[in-house]
Amino acid sequence: MNKQAPAHKVKFYADTQKGDINKLFTFPVYDYNHAIDIIVKFKREGAKIRAAFFQAANESFNVKITPKAYEDDFLHETYAEKKRYEQINGNI
């Protein structure tokens, strides 16, 4: 069974370790939590997030993602990390 393609988008402007300044990144996502996961991964790689937005499927407007949603990046567990933790502890 194949998963449907992500219908939503996360867009954010970030400064990266590679030297990009205020570069726009856009990724397809399944939901809001998936969007936060992507932003957290970029922050862990040293990127400075300047502004972030979530765009729902079939909508033409963006909703701002506040820094509070992703600022505790060291405490935040991404979906993949939660799944790996459950597999190690035999919960799956």
PDB file of N, CA and C in Angstrom:
ATOM      1  N   MET A   1       0.836  -1.170   0.000  1.00  0.00           N
ATOM      2  CA  MET A   1       0.000   0.000   0.000  1.00  0.00           C
ATOM      3  C   MET A   1       0.889   1.243   0.000  1.00  0.00           C
ATOM      4  N   ASN A   2       0.716   2.099  -0.953  1.00  0.00           N
ATOM      5  CA  ASN A   2       1.513   3.317  -1.054  1.00  0.00           C
ATOM      6  C   ASN A   2       0.844   4.455  -0.306  1.00  0.00           C
ATOM      7  N   LYS A   3       1.674   5.287   0.309  1.00  0.00           N
ATOM      8  CA  LYS A   3       1.165   6.480   0.972  1.00  0.00           C
ATOM      9  C   LYS A   3       0.822   7.527  -0.078  1.00  0.00           C
ATOM     10  N   GLN A   4      -0.172   8.335   0.224  1.00  0.00           N
ATOM     11  CA  GLN A   4      -0.481   9.446  -0.660  1.00  0.00           C
ATOM     12  C   GLN A   4       0.618  10.497  -0.538  1.00  0.00           C
ATOM     13  N   ALA A   5       0.813  11.229  -1.607  1.00  0.00           N
ATOM     14  CA  ALA A   5       1.806  12.297  -1.585  1.00  0.00           C
ATOM     15  C   ALA A   5       1.373  13.371  -0.583  1.00  0.00           C
ATOM     16  N   PRO A   6       2.325  14.002   0.087  1.00  0.00           N
ATOM     17  CA  PRO A   6       1.974  15.061   1.039  1.00  0.00           C
ATOM     18  C   PRO A   6       1.209  16.183   0.342  1.00  0.00           C
ATOM     19  N   ALA A   7       0.170  16.648   1.003  1.00  0.00           N
ATOM     20  CA  ALA A   7      -0.684  17.667   0.392  1.00  0.00           C
ATOM     21  C   ALA A   7      -0.366  19.076   0.869  1.00  0.00           C
ATOM     22  N   HIS A   8       0.285  19.192   2.018  1.00  0.00           N
ATOM     23  CA  HIS A   8       0.574  20.499   2.603  1.00  0.00           C
ATOM     24  C   HIS A   8       2.013  20.902   2.297  1.00  0.00           C
ATOM     25  N   LYS A   9       2.372  22.136   2.678  1.00  0.00           N
ATOM     26  CA  LYS A   9       3.738  22.607   2.475  1.00  0.00           C
ATOM     27  C   LYS A   9       4.227  23.356   3.712  1.00  0.00           C
ATOM     28  N   VAL A  10       5.529  23.240   3.955  1.00  0.00           N
ATOM     29  CA  VAL A  10       6.184  24.092   4.926  1.00  0.00           C
ATOM     30  C   VAL A  10       7.162  24.954   4.136  1.00  0.00           C
ATOM     31  N   LYS A  11       7.146  26.245   4.453  1.00  0.00           N
ATOM     32  CA  LYS A  11       8.063  27.191   3.804  1.00  0.00           C
ATOM     33  C   LYS A  11       8.778  27.955   4.907  1.00  0.00           C
ATOM     34  N   PHE A  12      10.080  28.109   4.746  1.00  0.00           N
ATOM     35  CA  PHE A  12      10.803  28.908   5.731  1.00  0.00           C
ATOM     36  C   PHE A  12      12.034  29.543   5.120  1.00  0.00           C
ATOM     37  N   TYR A  13      12.404  30.687   5.680  1.00  0.00           N
ATOM     38  CA  TYR A  13      13.615  31.396   5.310  1.00  0.00           C
ATOM     39  C   TYR A  13      14.656  31.092   6.363  1.00  0.00           C
ATOM     40  N   ALA A  14      15.868  30.737   5.918  1.00  0.00           N
ATOM     41  CA  ALA A  14      16.903  30.361   6.882  1.00  0.00           C
ATOM     42  C   ALA A  14      18.292  30.738   6.381  1.00  0.00           C
ATOM     43  N   ASP A  15      19.178  30.976   7.344  1.00  0.00           N
ATOM     44  CA  ASP A  15      20.612  31.108   7.076  1.00  0.00           C
ATOM     45  C   ASP A  15      21.214  29.742   7.394  1.00  0.00           C
ATOM     46  N   THR A  16      21.997  29.191   6.472  1.00  0.00           N
ATOM     47  CA  THR A  16      22.542  27.847   6.677  1.00  0.00           C
ATOM     48  C   THR A  16      24.046  27.879   6.921  1.00  0.00           C
ATOM     49  N   GLN A  17      24.579  26.742   7.342  1.00  0.00           N
ATOM     50  CA  GLN A  17      26.007  26.592   7.565  1.00  0.00           C
ATOM     51  C   GLN A  17      26.791  26.685   6.262  1.00  0.00           C
ATOM     52  N   LYS A  18      26.141  26.419   5.138  1.00  0.00           N
ATOM     53  CA  LYS A  18      26.803  26.487   3.830  1.00  0.00           C
ATOM     54  C   LYS A  18      27.033  27.917   3.363  1.00  0.00           C
ATOM     55  N   GLY A  19      26.465  28.880   4.066  1.00  0.00           N
ATOM     56  CA  GLY A  19      26.643  30.277   3.698  1.00  0.00           C
ATOM     57  C   GLY A  19      25.424  30.898   3.047  1.00  0.00           C
ATOM     58  N   ASP A  20      24.349  30.134   2.882  1.00  0.00           N
ATOM     59  CA  ASP A  20      23.118  30.711   2.339  1.00  0.00           C
ATOM     60  C   ASP A  20      22.559  31.709   3.338  1.00  0.00           C
ATOM     61  N   ILE A  21      22.131  32.862   2.828  1.00  0.00           N
ATOM     62  CA  ILE A  21      21.564  33.884   3.697  1.00  0.00           C
ATOM     63  C   ILE A  21      20.121  34.129   3.281  1.00  0.00           C
ATOM     64  N   ASN A  22      19.217  33.989   4.238  1.00  0.00           N
ATOM     65  CA  ASN A  22      17.796  34.242   4.021  1.00  0.00           C
ATOM     66  C   ASN A  22      17.252  33.467   2.817  1.00  0.00           C
ATOM     67  N   LYS A  23      17.668  32.227   2.688  1.00  0.00           N
ATOM     68  CA  LYS A  23      17.247  31.381   1.567  1.00  0.00           C
ATOM     69  C   LYS A  23      15.868  30.781   1.859  1.00  0.00           C
ATOM     70  N   LEU A  24      15.020  30.752   0.835  1.00  0.00           N
ATOM     71  CA  LEU A  24      13.689  30.169   0.977  1.00  0.00           C
ATOM     72  C   LEU A  24      13.758  28.665   0.740  1.00  0.00           C
ATOM     73  N   PHE A  25      13.247  27.894   1.690  1.00  0.00           N
ATOM     74  CA  PHE A  25      13.133  26.445   1.573  1.00  0.00           C
ATOM     75  C   PHE A  25      11.655  26.089   1.555  1.00  0.00           C
ATOM     76  N   THR A  26      11.264  25.173   0.697  1.00  0.00           N
ATOM     77  CA  THR A  26       9.879  24.707   0.615  1.00  0.00           C
ATOM     78  C   THR A  26       9.890  23.189   0.534  1.00  0.00           C
ATOM     79  N   PHE A  27       9.106  22.536   1.405  1.00  0.00           N
ATOM     80  CA  PHE A  27       9.023  21.086   1.426  1.00  0.00           C
ATOM     81  C   PHE A  27       7.570  20.646   1.514  1.00  0.00           C
ATOM     82  N   PRO A  28       7.206  19.566   0.826  1.00  0.00           N
ATOM     83  CA  PRO A  28       5.868  19.000   1.019  1.00  0.00           C
ATOM     84  C   PRO A  28       5.833  18.254   2.354  1.00  0.00           C
ATOM     85  N   VAL A  29       4.727  18.396   3.078  1.00  0.00           N
ATOM     86  CA  VAL A  29       4.582  17.734   4.379  1.00  0.00           C
ATOM     87  C   VAL A  29       3.203  17.099   4.507  1.00  0.00           C
ATOM     88  N   TYR A  30       3.086  16.121   5.400  1.00  0.00           N
ATOM     89  CA  TYR A  30       1.814  15.438   5.629  1.00  0.00           C
ATOM     90  C   TYR A  30       0.900  16.213   6.567  1.00  0.00           C
ATOM     91  N   ASP A  31       1.497  16.901   7.553  1.00  0.00           N
ATOM     92  CA  ASP A  31       0.695  17.666   8.512  1.00  0.00           C
ATOM     93  C   ASP A  31       1.596  18.691   9.206  1.00  0.00           C
ATOM     94  N   TYR A  32       1.006  19.416  10.153  1.00  0.00           N
ATOM     95  CA  TYR A  32       1.733  20.468  10.864  1.00  0.00           C
ATOM     96  C   TYR A  32       2.924  19.902  11.641  1.00  0.00           C
ATOM     97  N   ASN A  33       2.739  18.755  12.284  1.00  0.00           N
ATOM     98  CA  ASN A  33       3.832  18.154  13.061  1.00  0.00           C
ATOM     99  C   ASN A  33       5.001  17.759  12.171  1.00  0.00           C
ATOM    100  N   HIS A  34       4.719  17.281  10.985  1.00  0.00           N
ATOM    101  CA  HIS A  34       5.771  16.951  10.025  1.00  0.00           C
ATOM    102  C   HIS A  34       6.543  18.223   9.651  1.00  0.00           C
ATOM    103  N   ALA A  35       5.832  19.340   9.511  1.00  0.00           N
ATOM    104  CA  ALA A  35       6.472  20.623   9.206  1.00  0.00           C
ATOM    105  C   ALA A  35       7.441  21.024  10.323  1.00  0.00           C
ATOM    106  N   ILE A  36       7.012  20.864  11.576  1.00  0.00           N
ATOM    107  CA  ILE A  36       7.870  21.192  12.717  1.00  0.00           C
ATOM    108  C   ILE A  36       9.099  20.289  12.724  1.00  0.00           C
ATOM    109  N   ASP A  37       8.914  19.000  12.411  1.00  0.00           N
ATOM    110  CA  ASP A  37      10.047  18.068  12.355  1.00  0.00           C
ATOM    111  C   ASP A  37      11.117  18.540  11.376  1.00  0.00           C
ATOM    112  N   ILE A  38      10.703  18.996  10.218  1.00  0.00           N
ATOM    113  CA  ILE A  38      11.659  19.456   9.199  1.00  0.00           C
ATOM    114  C   ILE A  38      12.406  20.695   9.685  1.00  0.00           C
ATOM    115  N   ILE A  39      11.691  21.623  10.291  1.00  0.00           N
ATOM    116  CA  ILE A  39      12.338  22.836  10.805  1.00  0.00           C
ATOM    117  C   ILE A  39      13.350  22.473  11.901  1.00  0.00           C
ATOM    118  N   VAL A  40      12.966  21.570  12.790  1.00  0.00           N
ATOM    119  CA  VAL A  40      13.860  21.143  13.873  1.00  0.00           C
ATOM    120  C   VAL A  40      15.125  20.505  13.306  1.00  0.00           C
ATOM    121  N   LYS A  41      14.985  19.688  12.288  1.00  0.00           N
ATOM    122  CA  LYS A  41      16.159  19.057  11.671  1.00  0.00           C
ATOM    123  C   LYS A  41      17.108  20.111  11.112  1.00  0.00           C
ATOM    124  N   PHE A  42      16.571  21.145  10.474  1.00  0.00           N
ATOM    125  CA  PHE A  42      17.417  22.220   9.953  1.00  0.00           C
ATOM    126  C   PHE A  42      18.109  22.961  11.096  1.00  0.00           C
ATOM    127  N   LYS A  43      17.385  23.245  12.177  1.00  0.00           N
ATOM    128  CA  LYS A  43      17.995  23.935  13.314  1.00  0.00           C
ATOM    129  C   LYS A  43      19.120  23.115  13.921  1.00  0.00           C
ATOM    130  N   ARG A  44      18.940  21.813  14.016  1.00  0.00           N
ATOM    131  CA  ARG A  44      19.979  20.946  14.590  1.00  0.00           C
ATOM    132  C   ARG A  44      21.238  20.937  13.731  1.00  0.00           C
ATOM    133  N   GLU A  45      21.076  21.211  12.442  1.00  0.00           N
ATOM    134  CA  GLU A  45      22.236  21.281  11.544  1.00  0.00           C
ATOM    135  C   GLU A  45      22.877  22.656  11.557  1.00  0.00           C
ATOM    136  N   GLY A  46      22.389  23.551  12.414  1.00  0.00           N
ATOM    137  CA  GLY A  46      23.009  24.859  12.583  1.00  0.00           C
ATOM    138  C   GLY A  46      22.350  25.994  11.818  1.00  0.00           C
ATOM    139  N   ALA A  47      21.212  25.745  11.195  1.00  0.00           N
ATOM    140  CA  ALA A  47      20.537  26.806  10.448  1.00  0.00           C
ATOM    141  C   ALA A  47      19.839  27.772  11.409  1.00  0.00           C
ATOM    142  N   LYS A  48      19.798  29.034  11.025  1.00  0.00           N
ATOM    143  CA  LYS A  48      19.051  30.037  11.783  1.00  0.00           C
ATOM    144  C   LYS A  48      17.760  30.289  11.013  1.00  0.00           C
ATOM    145  N   ILE A  49      16.639  29.948  11.612  1.00  0.00           N
ATOM    146  CA  ILE A  49      15.339  30.119  10.971  1.00  0.00           C
ATOM    147  C   ILE A  49      14.898  31.561  11.174  1.00  0.00           C
ATOM    148  N   ARG A  50      14.643  32.259  10.086  1.00  0.00           N
ATOM    149  CA  ARG A  50      14.213  33.654  10.161  1.00  0.00           C
ATOM    150  C   ARG A  50      12.697  33.782  10.215  1.00  0.00           C
ATOM    151  N   ALA A  51      11.988  32.987   9.425  1.00  0.00           N
ATOM    152  CA  ALA A  51      10.524  32.983   9.413  1.00  0.00           C
ATOM    153  C   ALA A  51      10.067  31.653   8.840  1.00  0.00           C
ATOM    154  N   ALA A  52       8.944  31.142   9.352  1.00  0.00           N
ATOM    155  CA  ALA A  52       8.437  29.853   8.882  1.00  0.00           C
ATOM    156  C   ALA A  52       6.924  29.934   8.706  1.00  0.00           C
ATOM    157  N   PHE A  53       6.417  29.206   7.696  1.00  0.00           N
ATOM    158  CA  PHE A  53       5.001  29.238   7.366  1.00  0.00           C
ATOM    159  C   PHE A  53       4.505  27.841   7.009  1.00  0.00           C
ATOM    160  N   PHE A  54       3.236  27.579   7.322  1.00  0.00           N
ATOM    161  CA  PHE A  54       2.581  26.326   6.964  1.00  0.00           C
ATOM    162  C   PHE A  54       1.468  26.664   5.977  1.00  0.00           C
ATOM    163  N   GLN A  55       1.419  25.934   4.869  1.00  0.00           N
ATOM    164  CA  GLN A  55       0.380  26.146   3.869  1.00  0.00           C
ATOM    165  C   GLN A  55      -0.431  24.862   3.744  1.00  0.00           C
ATOM    166  N   ALA A  56      -1.708  24.932   4.101  1.00  0.00           N
ATOM    167  CA  ALA A  56      -2.587  23.764   4.035  1.00  0.00           C
ATOM    168  C   ALA A  56      -2.927  23.453   2.583  1.00  0.00           C
ATOM    169  N   ALA A  57      -3.326  22.212   2.357  1.00  0.00           N
ATOM    170  CA  ALA A  57      -3.676  21.771   1.005  1.00  0.00           C
ATOM    171  C   ALA A  57      -4.824  22.615   0.455  1.00  0.00           C
ATOM    172  N   ASN A  58      -4.732  22.938  -0.815  1.00  0.00           N
ATOM    173  CA  ASN A  58      -5.770  23.689  -1.534  1.00  0.00           C
ATOM    174  C   ASN A  58      -6.048  25.073  -0.961  1.00  0.00           C
ATOM    175  N   GLU A  59      -5.098  25.628  -0.239  1.00  0.00           N
ATOM    176  CA  GLU A  59      -5.238  26.983   0.305  1.00  0.00           C
ATOM    177  C   GLU A  59      -4.172  27.871  -0.314  1.00  0.00           C
ATOM    178  N   SER A  60      -4.514  29.112  -0.515  1.00  0.00           N
ATOM    179  CA  SER A  60      -3.562  30.029  -1.140  1.00  0.00           C
ATOM    180  C   SER A  60      -2.855  30.910  -0.113  1.00  0.00           C
ATOM    181  N   PHE A  61      -3.194  30.780   1.172  1.00  0.00           N
ATOM    182  CA  PHE A  61      -2.554  31.611   2.188  1.00  0.00           C
ATOM    183  C   PHE A  61      -1.674  30.762   3.104  1.00  0.00           C
ATOM    184  N   ASN A  62      -0.712  31.415   3.721  1.00  0.00           N
ATOM    185  CA  ASN A  62       0.223  30.760   4.637  1.00  0.00           C
ATOM    186  C   ASN A  62      -0.109  31.143   6.069  1.00  0.00           C
ATOM    187  N   VAL A  63       0.123  30.221   6.992  1.00  0.00           N
ATOM    188  CA  VAL A  63      -0.043  30.489   8.419  1.00  0.00           C
ATOM    189  C   VAL A  63       1.346  30.506   9.031  1.00  0.00           C
ATOM    190  N   LYS A  64       1.665  31.587   9.742  1.00  0.00           N
ATOM    191  CA  LYS A  64       2.995  31.722  10.348  1.00  0.00           C
ATOM    192  C   LYS A  64       3.177  30.689  11.455  1.00  0.00           C
ATOM    193  N   ILE A  65       4.326  30.043  11.460  1.00  0.00           N
ATOM    194  CA  ILE A  65       4.706  29.129  12.534  1.00  0.00           C
ATOM    195  C   ILE A  65       5.570  29.931  13.496  1.00  0.00           C
ATOM    196  N   THR A  66       5.136  30.046  14.724  1.00  0.00           N
ATOM    197  CA  THR A  66       5.890  30.845  15.693  1.00  0.00           C
ATOM    198  C   THR A  66       7.127  30.089  16.171  1.00  0.00           C
ATOM    199  N   PRO A  67       8.173  30.808  16.544  1.00  0.00           N
ATOM    200  CA  PRO A  67       9.389  30.148  17.031  1.00  0.00           C
ATOM    201  C   PRO A  67       9.130  29.255  18.245  1.00  0.00           C
ATOM    202  N   LYS A  68       8.125  29.546  19.037  1.00  0.00           N
ATOM    203  CA  LYS A  68       7.803  28.728  20.213  1.00  0.00           C
ATOM    204  C   LYS A  68       7.547  27.278  19.811  1.00  0.00           C
ATOM    205  N   ALA A  69       7.027  27.055  18.608  1.00  0.00           N
ATOM    206  CA  ALA A  69       6.703  25.704  18.148  1.00  0.00           C
ATOM    207  C   ALA A  69       7.947  24.847  17.929  1.00  0.00           C
ATOM    208  N   TYR A  70       9.094  25.483  17.647  1.00  0.00           N
ATOM    209  CA  TYR A  70      10.300  24.704  17.333  1.00  0.00           C
ATOM    210  C   TYR A  70      11.537  25.141  18.108  1.00  0.00           C
ATOM    211  N   GLU A  71      11.398  26.024  19.091  1.00  0.00           N
ATOM    212  CA  GLU A  71      12.599  26.536  19.758  1.00  0.00           C
ATOM    213  C   GLU A  71      13.233  25.531  20.706  1.00  0.00           C
ATOM    214  N   ASP A  72      12.475  24.618  21.281  1.00  0.00           N
ATOM    215  CA  ASP A  72      13.055  23.590  22.148  1.00  0.00           C
ATOM    216  C   ASP A  72      13.501  22.406  21.314  1.00  0.00           C
ATOM    217  N   ASP A  73      14.383  22.657  20.350  1.00  0.00           N
ATOM    218  CA  ASP A  73      14.759  21.620  19.387  1.00  0.00           C
ATOM    219  C   ASP A  73      15.514  20.457  20.026  1.00  0.00           C
ATOM    220  N   PHE A  74      16.159  20.664  21.164  1.00  0.00           N
ATOM    221  CA  PHE A  74      16.880  19.558  21.777  1.00  0.00           C
ATOM    222  C   PHE A  74      15.938  18.665  22.589  1.00  0.00           C
ATOM    223  N   LEU A  75      14.789  19.195  22.957  1.00  0.00           N
ATOM    224  CA  LEU A  75      13.798  18.412  23.686  1.00  0.00           C
ATOM    225  C   LEU A  75      12.778  17.783  22.739  1.00  0.00           C
ATOM    226  N   HIS A  76      12.636  18.355  21.570  1.00  0.00           N
ATOM    227  CA  HIS A  76      11.645  17.883  20.602  1.00  0.00           C
ATOM    228  C   HIS A  76      12.093  16.563  19.976  1.00  0.00           C
ATOM    229  N   GLU A  77      11.214  15.578  19.994  1.00  0.00           N
ATOM    230  CA  GLU A  77      11.492  14.310  19.316  1.00  0.00           C
ATOM    231  C   GLU A  77      10.736  14.295  18.002  1.00  0.00           C
ATOM    232  N   THR A  78      11.446  14.084  16.916  1.00  0.00           N
ATOM    233  CA  THR A  78      10.783  13.975  15.628  1.00  0.00           C
ATOM    234  C   THR A  78      10.036  12.655  15.556  1.00  0.00           C
ATOM    235  N   TYR A  79       9.160  12.524  14.590  1.00  0.00           N
ATOM    236  CA  TYR A  79       8.390  11.296  14.415  1.00  0.00           C
ATOM    237  C   TYR A  79       9.328  10.098  14.252  1.00  0.00           C
ATOM    238  N   ALA A  80      10.388  10.250  13.449  1.00  0.00           N
ATOM    239  CA  ALA A  80      11.337   9.155  13.220  1.00  0.00           C
ATOM    240  C   ALA A  80      12.037   8.758  14.524  1.00  0.00           C
ATOM    241  N   GLU A  81      12.378   9.734  15.361  1.00  0.00           N
ATOM    242  CA  GLU A  81      13.031   9.437  16.633  1.00  0.00           C
ATOM    243  C   GLU A  81      12.086   8.696  17.580  1.00  0.00           C
ATOM    244  N   LYS A  82      10.828   9.102  17.616  1.00  0.00           N
ATOM    245  CA  LYS A  82       9.849   8.422  18.462  1.00  0.00           C
ATOM    246  C   LYS A  82       9.667   6.977  18.014  1.00  0.00           C
ATOM    247  N   LYS A  83       9.585   6.757  16.700  1.00  0.00           N
ATOM    248  CA  LYS A  83       9.395   5.413  16.158  1.00  0.00           C
ATOM    249  C   LYS A  83      10.607   4.533  16.495  1.00  0.00           C
ATOM    250  N   ARG A  84      11.812   5.075  16.321  1.00  0.00           N
ATOM    251  CA  ARG A  84      13.035   4.329  16.631  1.00  0.00           C
ATOM    252  C   ARG A  84      13.077   3.962  18.117  1.00  0.00           C
ATOM    253  N   TYR A  85      12.694   4.888  18.992  1.00  0.00           N
ATOM    254  CA  TYR A  85      12.680   4.647  20.431  1.00  0.00           C
ATOM    255  C   TYR A  85      11.700   3.526  20.772  1.00  0.00           C
ATOM    256  N   GLU A  86      10.525   3.524  20.141  1.00  0.00           N
ATOM    257  CA  GLU A  86       9.531   2.480  20.384  1.00  0.00           C
ATOM    258  C   GLU A  86      10.039   1.120  19.904  1.00  0.00           C
ATOM    259  N   GLN A  87      10.745   1.089  18.786  1.00  0.00           N
ATOM    260  CA  GLN A  87      11.275  -0.170  18.267  1.00  0.00           C
ATOM    261  C   GLN A  87      12.342  -0.731  19.199  1.00  0.00           C
ATOM    262  N   ILE A  88      13.189   0.123  19.732  1.00  0.00           N
ATOM    263  CA  ILE A  88      14.262  -0.315  20.633  1.00  0.00           C
ATOM    264  C   ILE A  88      13.671  -0.888  21.915  1.00  0.00           C
ATOM    265  N   ASN A  89      12.614  -0.277  22.405  1.00  0.00           N
ATOM    266  CA  ASN A  89      12.002  -0.723  23.663  1.00  0.00           C
ATOM    267  C   ASN A  89      10.935  -1.800  23.453  1.00  0.00           C
ATOM    268  N   GLY A  90      10.733  -2.223  22.217  1.00  0.00           N
ATOM    269  CA  GLY A  90       9.808  -3.319  21.943  1.00  0.00           C
ATOM    270  C   GLY A  90       8.339  -2.951  22.040  1.00  0.00           C
ATOM    271  N   ASN A  91       8.025  -1.691  21.875  1.00  0.00           N
ATOM    272  CA  ASN A  91       6.631  -1.249  21.975  1.00  0.00           C
ATOM    273  C   ASN A  91       5.881  -1.410  20.665  1.00  0.00           C
ATOM    274  N   ILE A  92       6.589  -1.777  19.599  1.00  0.00           N
ATOM    275  CA  ILE A  92       5.918  -1.925  18.297  1.00  0.00           C
ATOM    276  C   ILE A  92       5.794  -3.381  17.951  1.00  0.00           C
TER     277      ILE A  92
END
